[in-house]
Amino acid sequence: MLLRLLGGTEAVNRRVHDFGVTDIAIATTEMVQVANDTIQYQNWTTPAAMSKLLAVFHSRQFLSDRSYALLVGYMTFSNRYFDKRIKQLLPTGTEVVHKTGTAATIDGLTRATNDVGIITLPDGSHLAVAVFISDSRDSQHDRELAIARAAKVSYEYWVGD
């Protein structure tokens, strides 16, 4: 629905490129991908580009205060399912604004298990994290744990633990 409100995938793709994030393609919607799971490969990005997009988001340069607050509200929603990735191994109470993504598992293959987010470090600075696992036959638990471990190592590096 959001893509439709913003003018469709082409308009959103152009706008993201206008932000300076060019290693990204927004070509299809979730609804289109349901019919054929390989279509999702038309949508792609790199962890570096997603981290750059998170920095653009965090800068609030292109969003109204209301839109920023709404997105942060959605991206800080917490429950057992969403907290199994970036947040899982971080110290309790660590603030994380993040967005998960998961493709269906078909014939034992999960094409995407992702989490991208901004971690607030103890000194008040921020760390962008983007972890993508693609075309995996590992269990969901193992994929999520790999994301959690990557986030923990990143956090510890920047905190100095």
N, C-alpha and C. Protein backbone atom coordinates (compact mmCIF):
# COMPACT_ATOMS: atom_id res chain seq x y z
N MET A 1 0.82 -1.18 0.00
CA MET A 1 0.00 0.00 0.00
C MET A 1 0.88 1.26 0.00
N LEU A 2 1.93 1.24 0.79
CA LEU A 2 2.81 2.40 0.87
C LEU A 2 3.44 2.71 -0.49
N LEU A 3 3.88 1.67 -1.18
CA LEU A 3 4.46 1.89 -2.51
C LEU A 3 3.44 2.55 -3.44
N ARG A 4 2.21 2.11 -3.37
CA ARG A 4 1.16 2.69 -4.21
C ARG A 4 0.95 4.16 -3.86
N LEU A 5 0.91 4.48 -2.57
CA LEU A 5 0.71 5.86 -2.13
C LEU A 5 1.87 6.76 -2.56
N LEU A 6 3.05 6.19 -2.68
CA LEU A 6 4.23 6.97 -3.06
C LEU A 6 4.45 7.02 -4.56
N GLY A 7 3.54 6.44 -5.35
CA GLY A 7 3.64 6.54 -6.80
C GLY A 7 4.13 5.30 -7.50
N GLY A 8 4.29 4.21 -6.77
CA GLY A 8 4.70 2.95 -7.38
C GLY A 8 6.19 2.69 -7.22
N THR A 9 6.58 1.50 -7.64
CA THR A 9 7.97 1.07 -7.44
C THR A 9 8.96 1.95 -8.21
N GLU A 10 8.63 2.33 -9.43
CA GLU A 10 9.56 3.16 -10.21
C GLU A 10 9.80 4.50 -9.55
N ALA A 11 8.74 5.13 -9.05
CA ALA A 11 8.87 6.43 -8.39
C ALA A 11 9.69 6.32 -7.11
N VAL A 12 9.45 5.28 -6.34
CA VAL A 12 10.20 5.09 -5.09
C VAL A 12 11.65 4.78 -5.40
N ASN A 13 11.90 3.95 -6.40
CA ASN A 13 13.26 3.62 -6.80
C ASN A 13 14.02 4.89 -7.20
N ARG A 14 13.38 5.75 -8.01
CA ARG A 14 14.02 7.01 -8.42
C ARG A 14 14.32 7.90 -7.22
N ARG A 15 13.37 8.00 -6.30
CA ARG A 15 13.54 8.85 -5.12
C ARG A 15 14.70 8.36 -4.25
N VAL A 16 14.80 7.05 -4.04
CA VAL A 16 15.91 6.51 -3.26
C VAL A 16 17.23 6.80 -3.96
N HIS A 17 17.26 6.69 -5.27
CA HIS A 17 18.48 7.01 -6.02
C HIS A 17 18.81 8.49 -5.87
N ASP A 18 17.77 9.37 -5.83
CA ASP A 18 17.99 10.79 -5.61
C ASP A 18 18.63 11.07 -4.25
N PHE A 19 18.42 10.20 -3.28
CA PHE A 19 19.05 10.34 -1.97
C PHE A 19 20.54 9.99 -2.02
N GLY A 20 21.00 9.47 -3.17
CA GLY A 20 22.39 9.06 -3.31
C GLY A 20 22.62 7.58 -3.05
N VAL A 21 21.53 6.83 -2.89
CA VAL A 21 21.63 5.39 -2.66
C VAL A 21 21.31 4.72 -3.99
N THR A 22 22.35 4.34 -4.72
CA THR A 22 22.14 3.84 -6.08
C THR A 22 22.28 2.33 -6.21
N ASP A 23 22.92 1.68 -5.26
CA ASP A 23 23.06 0.22 -5.32
C ASP A 23 21.83 -0.45 -4.72
N ILE A 24 20.70 -0.14 -5.34
CA ILE A 24 19.42 -0.67 -4.88
C ILE A 24 18.45 -0.66 -6.07
N ALA A 25 17.60 -1.66 -6.12
CA ALA A 25 16.55 -1.72 -7.14
C ALA A 25 15.25 -2.10 -6.45
N ILE A 26 14.26 -1.25 -6.59
CA ILE A 26 12.92 -1.52 -6.08
C ILE A 26 12.04 -1.69 -7.31
N ALA A 27 11.79 -2.94 -7.67
CA ALA A 27 11.15 -3.26 -8.94
C ALA A 27 9.78 -3.91 -8.81
N THR A 28 9.54 -4.61 -7.71
CA THR A 28 8.27 -5.33 -7.55
C THR A 28 7.73 -5.13 -6.15
N THR A 29 6.47 -5.49 -5.99
CA THR A 29 5.83 -5.41 -4.68
C THR A 29 5.76 -6.81 -4.07
N GLU A 30 5.48 -6.85 -2.79
CA GLU A 30 5.30 -8.13 -2.10
C GLU A 30 4.17 -8.94 -2.76
N MET A 31 3.12 -8.27 -3.14
CA MET A 31 1.98 -8.96 -3.75
C MET A 31 2.38 -9.67 -5.04
N VAL A 32 3.22 -9.05 -5.83
CA VAL A 32 3.67 -9.65 -7.08
C VAL A 32 4.56 -10.87 -6.78
N GLN A 33 5.37 -10.76 -5.76
CA GLN A 33 6.31 -11.83 -5.44
C GLN A 33 5.63 -13.10 -4.93
N VAL A 34 4.45 -12.96 -4.37
CA VAL A 34 3.73 -14.13 -3.83
C VAL A 34 3.45 -15.14 -4.95
N ALA A 35 3.18 -14.66 -6.15
CA ALA A 35 2.84 -15.54 -7.26
C ALA A 35 4.03 -16.36 -7.75
N ASN A 36 5.24 -15.82 -7.60
CA ASN A 36 6.44 -16.50 -8.09
C ASN A 36 7.62 -16.03 -7.24
N ASP A 37 8.12 -16.90 -6.39
CA ASP A 37 9.13 -16.47 -5.42
C ASP A 37 10.46 -16.04 -6.05
N THR A 38 10.74 -16.40 -7.30
CA THR A 38 12.00 -15.97 -7.90
C THR A 38 11.93 -14.51 -8.38
N ILE A 39 10.74 -13.95 -8.47
CA ILE A 39 10.59 -12.55 -8.87
C ILE A 39 11.28 -11.63 -7.86
N GLN A 40 11.38 -12.07 -6.60
CA GLN A 40 11.98 -11.21 -5.59
C GLN A 40 13.42 -10.82 -5.91
N TYR A 41 14.10 -11.57 -6.75
CA TYR A 41 15.47 -11.22 -7.11
C TYR A 41 15.54 -9.92 -7.92
N GLN A 42 14.40 -9.47 -8.44
CA GLN A 42 14.38 -8.19 -9.15
C GLN A 42 14.56 -7.04 -8.17
N ASN A 43 14.19 -7.24 -6.92
CA ASN A 43 14.46 -6.28 -5.86
C ASN A 43 15.79 -6.67 -5.24
N TRP A 44 16.72 -5.74 -5.17
CA TRP A 44 18.02 -6.07 -4.61
C TRP A 44 18.69 -4.83 -4.05
N THR A 45 19.63 -5.05 -3.19
CA THR A 45 20.49 -4.00 -2.67
C THR A 45 21.72 -4.66 -2.08
N THR A 46 22.62 -3.85 -1.61
CA THR A 46 23.81 -4.34 -0.91
C THR A 46 23.72 -3.90 0.55
N PRO A 47 24.42 -4.59 1.44
CA PRO A 47 24.44 -4.12 2.84
C PRO A 47 24.96 -2.68 2.96
N ALA A 48 25.96 -2.32 2.16
CA ALA A 48 26.49 -0.96 2.22
C ALA A 48 25.44 0.06 1.79
N ALA A 49 24.69 -0.24 0.73
CA ALA A 49 23.65 0.68 0.28
C ALA A 49 22.53 0.78 1.31
N MET A 50 22.17 -0.33 1.91
CA MET A 50 21.11 -0.28 2.92
C MET A 50 21.57 0.50 4.14
N SER A 51 22.83 0.37 4.51
CA SER A 51 23.36 1.16 5.63
C SER A 51 23.34 2.65 5.29
N LYS A 52 23.64 2.97 4.05
CA LYS A 52 23.57 4.36 3.60
C LYS A 52 22.13 4.87 3.66
N LEU A 53 21.18 4.04 3.25
CA LEU A 53 19.77 4.43 3.32
C LEU A 53 19.33 4.63 4.78
N LEU A 54 19.82 3.77 5.67
CA LEU A 54 19.52 3.95 7.10
C LEU A 54 20.08 5.29 7.60
N ALA A 55 21.27 5.66 7.14
CA ALA A 55 21.85 6.95 7.53
C ALA A 55 21.01 8.11 7.01
N VAL A 56 20.51 8.00 5.78
CA VAL A 56 19.63 9.02 5.22
C VAL A 56 18.37 9.12 6.08
N PHE A 57 17.79 7.99 6.42
CA PHE A 57 16.61 7.95 7.27
C PHE A 57 16.90 8.62 8.61
N HIS A 58 18.00 8.23 9.23
CA HIS A 58 18.36 8.74 10.56
C HIS A 58 18.63 10.25 10.55
N SER A 59 19.07 10.77 9.42
CA SER A 59 19.36 12.21 9.31
C SER A 59 18.09 13.06 9.34
N ARG A 60 16.96 12.43 9.08
CA ARG A 60 15.65 13.11 9.05
C ARG A 60 15.57 14.19 7.96
N GLN A 61 16.51 14.21 7.08
CA GLN A 61 16.59 15.24 6.04
C GLN A 61 15.41 15.22 5.07
N PHE A 62 14.87 14.04 4.80
CA PHE A 62 13.84 13.92 3.78
C PHE A 62 12.47 13.56 4.32
N LEU A 63 12.32 13.54 5.64
CA LEU A 63 11.06 13.16 6.27
C LEU A 63 10.56 14.26 7.20
N SER A 64 9.27 14.41 7.24
CA SER A 64 8.70 15.32 8.24
C SER A 64 8.89 14.68 9.62
N ASP A 65 8.78 15.49 10.65
CA ASP A 65 8.89 14.95 12.01
C ASP A 65 7.83 13.88 12.25
N ARG A 66 6.63 14.11 11.74
CA ARG A 66 5.53 13.15 11.93
C ARG A 66 5.83 11.83 11.22
N SER A 67 6.31 11.89 10.00
CA SER A 67 6.63 10.67 9.25
C SER A 67 7.78 9.92 9.90
N TYR A 68 8.79 10.66 10.35
CA TYR A 68 9.92 10.02 11.02
C TYR A 68 9.44 9.29 12.28
N ALA A 69 8.63 9.97 13.09
CA ALA A 69 8.13 9.36 14.33
C ALA A 69 7.29 8.13 14.04
N LEU A 70 6.49 8.18 12.99
CA LEU A 70 5.65 7.03 12.63
C LEU A 70 6.53 5.84 12.24
N LEU A 71 7.53 6.07 11.40
CA LEU A 71 8.42 4.99 10.98
C LEU A 71 9.22 4.44 12.16
N VAL A 72 9.73 5.31 13.02
CA VAL A 72 10.47 4.84 14.19
C VAL A 72 9.56 3.98 15.06
N GLY A 73 8.31 4.39 15.20
CA GLY A 73 7.35 3.59 15.98
C GLY A 73 7.19 2.19 15.41
N TYR A 74 7.03 2.11 14.10
CA TYR A 74 6.91 0.79 13.46
C TYR A 74 8.20 -0.01 13.61
N MET A 75 9.33 0.66 13.49
CA MET A 75 10.61 -0.03 13.47
C MET A 75 11.17 -0.34 14.86
N THR A 76 10.53 0.13 15.89
CA THR A 76 10.95 -0.21 17.25
C THR A 76 9.98 -1.17 17.90
N PHE A 77 8.93 -1.55 17.16
CA PHE A 77 7.98 -2.53 17.67
C PHE A 77 8.75 -3.76 18.10
N SER A 78 8.45 -4.25 19.25
CA SER A 78 9.22 -5.35 19.81
C SER A 78 8.31 -6.51 20.17
N ASN A 79 8.72 -7.69 19.79
CA ASN A 79 8.09 -8.93 20.26
C ASN A 79 9.09 -10.07 20.07
N ARG A 80 8.75 -11.22 20.52
CA ARG A 80 9.70 -12.35 20.45
C ARG A 80 10.14 -12.66 19.03
N TYR A 81 9.25 -12.47 18.06
CA TYR A 81 9.61 -12.79 16.68
C TYR A 81 10.63 -11.79 16.13
N PHE A 82 10.34 -10.51 16.27
CA PHE A 82 11.21 -9.48 15.68
C PHE A 82 12.53 -9.34 16.42
N ASP A 83 12.58 -9.75 17.68
CA ASP A 83 13.78 -9.55 18.48
C ASP A 83 14.78 -10.69 18.36
N LYS A 84 14.56 -11.64 17.46
CA LYS A 84 15.45 -12.80 17.32
C LYS A 84 16.62 -12.53 16.38
N ARG A 85 16.69 -11.35 15.84
CA ARG A 85 17.77 -11.07 14.88
C ARG A 85 18.73 -10.05 15.48
N ILE A 86 18.75 -8.83 14.99
CA ILE A 86 19.72 -7.84 15.48
C ILE A 86 19.68 -7.72 17.00
N LYS A 87 18.51 -7.69 17.59
CA LYS A 87 18.40 -7.42 19.03
C LYS A 87 18.74 -8.61 19.94
N GLN A 88 18.69 -9.81 19.42
CA GLN A 88 18.74 -11.01 20.27
C GLN A 88 19.91 -11.08 21.25
N LEU A 89 21.10 -10.75 20.82
CA LEU A 89 22.28 -10.92 21.67
C LEU A 89 22.84 -9.59 22.19
N LEU A 90 22.13 -8.49 21.93
CA LEU A 90 22.59 -7.20 22.44
C LEU A 90 22.18 -7.06 23.90
N PRO A 91 22.87 -6.21 24.66
CA PRO A 91 22.49 -6.02 26.06
C PRO A 91 21.03 -5.59 26.19
N THR A 92 20.37 -6.12 27.20
CA THR A 92 18.97 -5.77 27.46
C THR A 92 18.84 -4.26 27.55
N GLY A 93 17.82 -3.74 26.89
CA GLY A 93 17.56 -2.31 26.93
C GLY A 93 18.22 -1.52 25.81
N THR A 94 19.06 -2.17 25.01
CA THR A 94 19.68 -1.48 23.88
C THR A 94 18.60 -1.07 22.90
N GLU A 95 18.62 0.21 22.52
CA GLU A 95 17.64 0.71 21.56
C GLU A 95 18.03 0.31 20.15
N VAL A 96 17.07 -0.28 19.44
CA VAL A 96 17.29 -0.70 18.06
C VAL A 96 16.06 -0.31 17.24
N VAL A 97 16.30 0.40 16.16
CA VAL A 97 15.27 0.72 15.17
C VAL A 97 15.62 -0.17 13.99
N HIS A 98 14.72 -1.11 13.63
CA HIS A 98 15.11 -2.07 12.59
C HIS A 98 13.91 -2.55 11.78
N LYS A 99 14.26 -3.19 10.67
CA LYS A 99 13.25 -3.77 9.77
C LYS A 99 13.74 -5.13 9.34
N THR A 100 12.94 -6.15 9.67
CA THR A 100 13.26 -7.51 9.25
C THR A 100 12.66 -7.78 7.88
N GLY A 101 13.14 -8.82 7.25
CA GLY A 101 12.58 -9.30 6.00
C GLY A 101 12.83 -10.78 5.89
N THR A 102 11.81 -11.51 5.46
CA THR A 102 11.93 -12.96 5.36
C THR A 102 11.13 -13.46 4.17
N ALA A 103 11.76 -14.25 3.35
CA ALA A 103 11.05 -14.90 2.25
C ALA A 103 10.52 -16.24 2.75
N ALA A 104 9.57 -16.76 2.03
CA ALA A 104 9.03 -18.08 2.36
C ALA A 104 10.10 -19.15 2.12
N THR A 105 9.98 -20.25 2.85
CA THR A 105 10.86 -21.39 2.62
C THR A 105 10.13 -22.35 1.68
N ILE A 106 10.75 -22.63 0.55
CA ILE A 106 10.15 -23.50 -0.46
C ILE A 106 11.15 -24.60 -0.78
N ASP A 107 10.71 -25.84 -0.61
CA ASP A 107 11.57 -27.00 -0.83
C ASP A 107 12.88 -26.90 -0.04
N GLY A 108 12.77 -26.39 1.19
CA GLY A 108 13.94 -26.30 2.08
C GLY A 108 14.84 -25.11 1.85
N LEU A 109 14.52 -24.27 0.87
CA LEU A 109 15.35 -23.11 0.54
C LEU A 109 14.64 -21.83 0.95
N THR A 110 15.33 -21.02 1.74
CA THR A 110 14.81 -19.70 2.09
C THR A 110 15.65 -18.68 1.35
N ARG A 111 15.01 -17.94 0.46
CA ARG A 111 15.74 -17.03 -0.41
C ARG A 111 16.25 -15.79 0.32
N ALA A 112 15.58 -15.37 1.40
CA ALA A 112 16.03 -14.16 2.11
C ALA A 112 15.62 -14.21 3.58
N THR A 113 16.59 -13.93 4.44
CA THR A 113 16.37 -13.70 5.86
C THR A 113 17.24 -12.50 6.20
N ASN A 114 16.62 -11.38 6.50
CA ASN A 114 17.36 -10.13 6.64
C ASN A 114 16.96 -9.38 7.90
N ASP A 115 17.81 -8.49 8.31
CA ASP A 115 17.47 -7.48 9.31
C ASP A 115 18.43 -6.33 9.10
N VAL A 116 17.89 -5.13 9.06
CA VAL A 116 18.69 -3.92 8.95
C VAL A 116 18.22 -2.97 10.03
N GLY A 117 19.15 -2.23 10.62
CA GLY A 117 18.71 -1.32 11.66
C GLY A 117 19.78 -0.38 12.15
N ILE A 118 19.36 0.46 13.07
CA ILE A 118 20.23 1.43 13.71
C ILE A 118 20.25 1.11 15.20
N ILE A 119 21.43 0.83 15.72
CA ILE A 119 21.62 0.53 17.13
C ILE A 119 22.12 1.79 17.82
N THR A 120 21.49 2.14 18.94
CA THR A 120 21.99 3.25 19.76
C THR A 120 23.02 2.68 20.73
N LEU A 121 24.23 3.18 20.65
CA LEU A 121 25.32 2.72 21.50
C LEU A 121 25.25 3.43 22.85
N PRO A 122 25.92 2.88 23.86
CA PRO A 122 25.84 3.46 25.21
C PRO A 122 26.24 4.94 25.29
N ASP A 123 27.13 5.40 24.40
CA ASP A 123 27.54 6.81 24.44
C ASP A 123 26.60 7.73 23.67
N GLY A 124 25.49 7.15 23.13
CA GLY A 124 24.51 7.95 22.39
C GLY A 124 24.77 8.01 20.90
N SER A 125 25.89 7.50 20.44
CA SER A 125 26.14 7.44 19.00
C SER A 125 25.34 6.29 18.41
N HIS A 126 25.37 6.20 17.08
CA HIS A 126 24.54 5.21 16.40
C HIS A 126 25.36 4.37 15.44
N LEU A 127 24.92 3.14 15.29
CA LEU A 127 25.58 2.17 14.42
C LEU A 127 24.54 1.57 13.48
N ALA A 128 24.77 1.71 12.18
CA ALA A 128 23.90 1.07 11.19
C ALA A 128 24.39 -0.35 10.94
N VAL A 129 23.46 -1.29 10.93
CA VAL A 129 23.78 -2.70 10.72
C VAL A 129 22.84 -3.24 9.64
N ALA A 130 23.40 -3.94 8.68
CA ALA A 130 22.59 -4.57 7.63
C ALA A 130 23.14 -5.97 7.41
N VAL A 131 22.32 -6.98 7.69
CA VAL A 131 22.74 -8.36 7.53
C VAL A 131 21.72 -9.06 6.63
N PHE A 132 22.21 -9.61 5.53
CA PHE A 132 21.38 -10.31 4.56
C PHE A 132 21.87 -11.75 4.44
N ILE A 133 20.97 -12.69 4.58
CA ILE A 133 21.28 -14.09 4.34
C ILE A 133 20.41 -14.53 3.17
N SER A 134 21.06 -15.02 2.13
CA SER A 134 20.29 -15.39 0.94
C SER A 134 20.50 -16.84 0.56
N ASP A 135 19.46 -17.40 -0.01
CA ASP A 135 19.49 -18.76 -0.56
C ASP A 135 20.07 -19.77 0.43
N SER A 136 19.48 -19.80 1.61
CA SER A 136 19.98 -20.65 2.68
C SER A 136 19.07 -21.86 2.90
N ARG A 137 19.70 -22.97 3.21
CA ARG A 137 18.97 -24.18 3.60
C ARG A 137 19.07 -24.41 5.11
N ASP A 138 19.72 -23.48 5.82
CA ASP A 138 19.81 -23.58 7.28
C ASP A 138 18.44 -23.32 7.90
N SER A 139 18.30 -23.74 9.14
CA SER A 139 17.04 -23.51 9.86
C SER A 139 16.84 -22.02 10.11
N GLN A 140 15.59 -21.63 10.35
CA GLN A 140 15.31 -20.24 10.67
C GLN A 140 16.08 -19.83 11.93
N HIS A 141 16.13 -20.71 12.91
CA HIS A 141 16.88 -20.43 14.14
C HIS A 141 18.33 -20.10 13.83
N ASP A 142 18.97 -20.90 12.99
CA ASP A 142 20.38 -20.69 12.66
C ASP A 142 20.59 -19.40 11.86
N ARG A 143 19.68 -19.12 10.95
CA ARG A 143 19.79 -17.87 10.16
C ARG A 143 19.65 -16.66 11.08
N GLU A 144 18.67 -16.71 11.98
CA GLU A 144 18.46 -15.59 12.89
C GLU A 144 19.63 -15.44 13.86
N LEU A 145 20.18 -16.53 14.31
CA LEU A 145 21.32 -16.49 15.21
C LEU A 145 22.55 -15.90 14.51
N ALA A 146 22.73 -16.20 13.25
CA ALA A 146 23.84 -15.63 12.48
C ALA A 146 23.71 -14.10 12.41
N ILE A 147 22.50 -13.62 12.19
CA ILE A 147 22.26 -12.17 12.17
C ILE A 147 22.55 -11.58 13.55
N ALA A 148 22.07 -12.24 14.59
CA ALA A 148 22.29 -11.76 15.96
C ALA A 148 23.77 -11.70 16.28
N ARG A 149 24.51 -12.71 15.87
CA ARG A 149 25.96 -12.74 16.15
C ARG A 149 26.69 -11.61 15.41
N ALA A 150 26.30 -11.37 14.17
CA ALA A 150 26.92 -10.28 13.40
C ALA A 150 26.64 -8.94 14.08
N ALA A 151 25.42 -8.74 14.55
CA ALA A 151 25.08 -7.49 15.24
C ALA A 151 25.87 -7.36 16.55
N LYS A 152 25.99 -8.45 17.28
CA LYS A 152 26.71 -8.43 18.57
C LYS A 152 28.18 -8.09 18.35
N VAL A 153 28.81 -8.72 17.37
CA VAL A 153 30.22 -8.46 17.09
C VAL A 153 30.41 -6.98 16.70
N SER A 154 29.51 -6.46 15.89
CA SER A 154 29.59 -5.06 15.48
C SER A 154 29.44 -4.14 16.69
N TYR A 155 28.46 -4.43 17.51
CA TYR A 155 28.21 -3.64 18.72
C TYR A 155 29.44 -3.65 19.62
N GLU A 156 29.97 -4.82 19.88
CA GLU A 156 31.12 -4.95 20.77
C GLU A 156 32.35 -4.23 20.21
N TYR A 157 32.51 -4.28 18.90
CA TYR A 157 33.64 -3.58 18.29
C TYR A 157 33.55 -2.08 18.55
N TRP A 158 32.38 -1.50 18.33
CA TRP A 158 32.22 -0.06 18.48
C TRP A 158 32.13 0.37 19.94
N VAL A 159 31.67 -0.49 20.81
CA VAL A 159 31.61 -0.14 22.24
C VAL A 159 32.96 -0.37 22.89
N GLY A 160 33.73 -1.30 22.34
CA GLY A 160 35.06 -1.58 22.86
C GLY A 160 35.10 -2.70 23.86
N ASP A 161 34.07 -3.54 23.88
CA ASP A 161 34.05 -4.71 24.80
C ASP A 161 34.91 -5.82 24.24
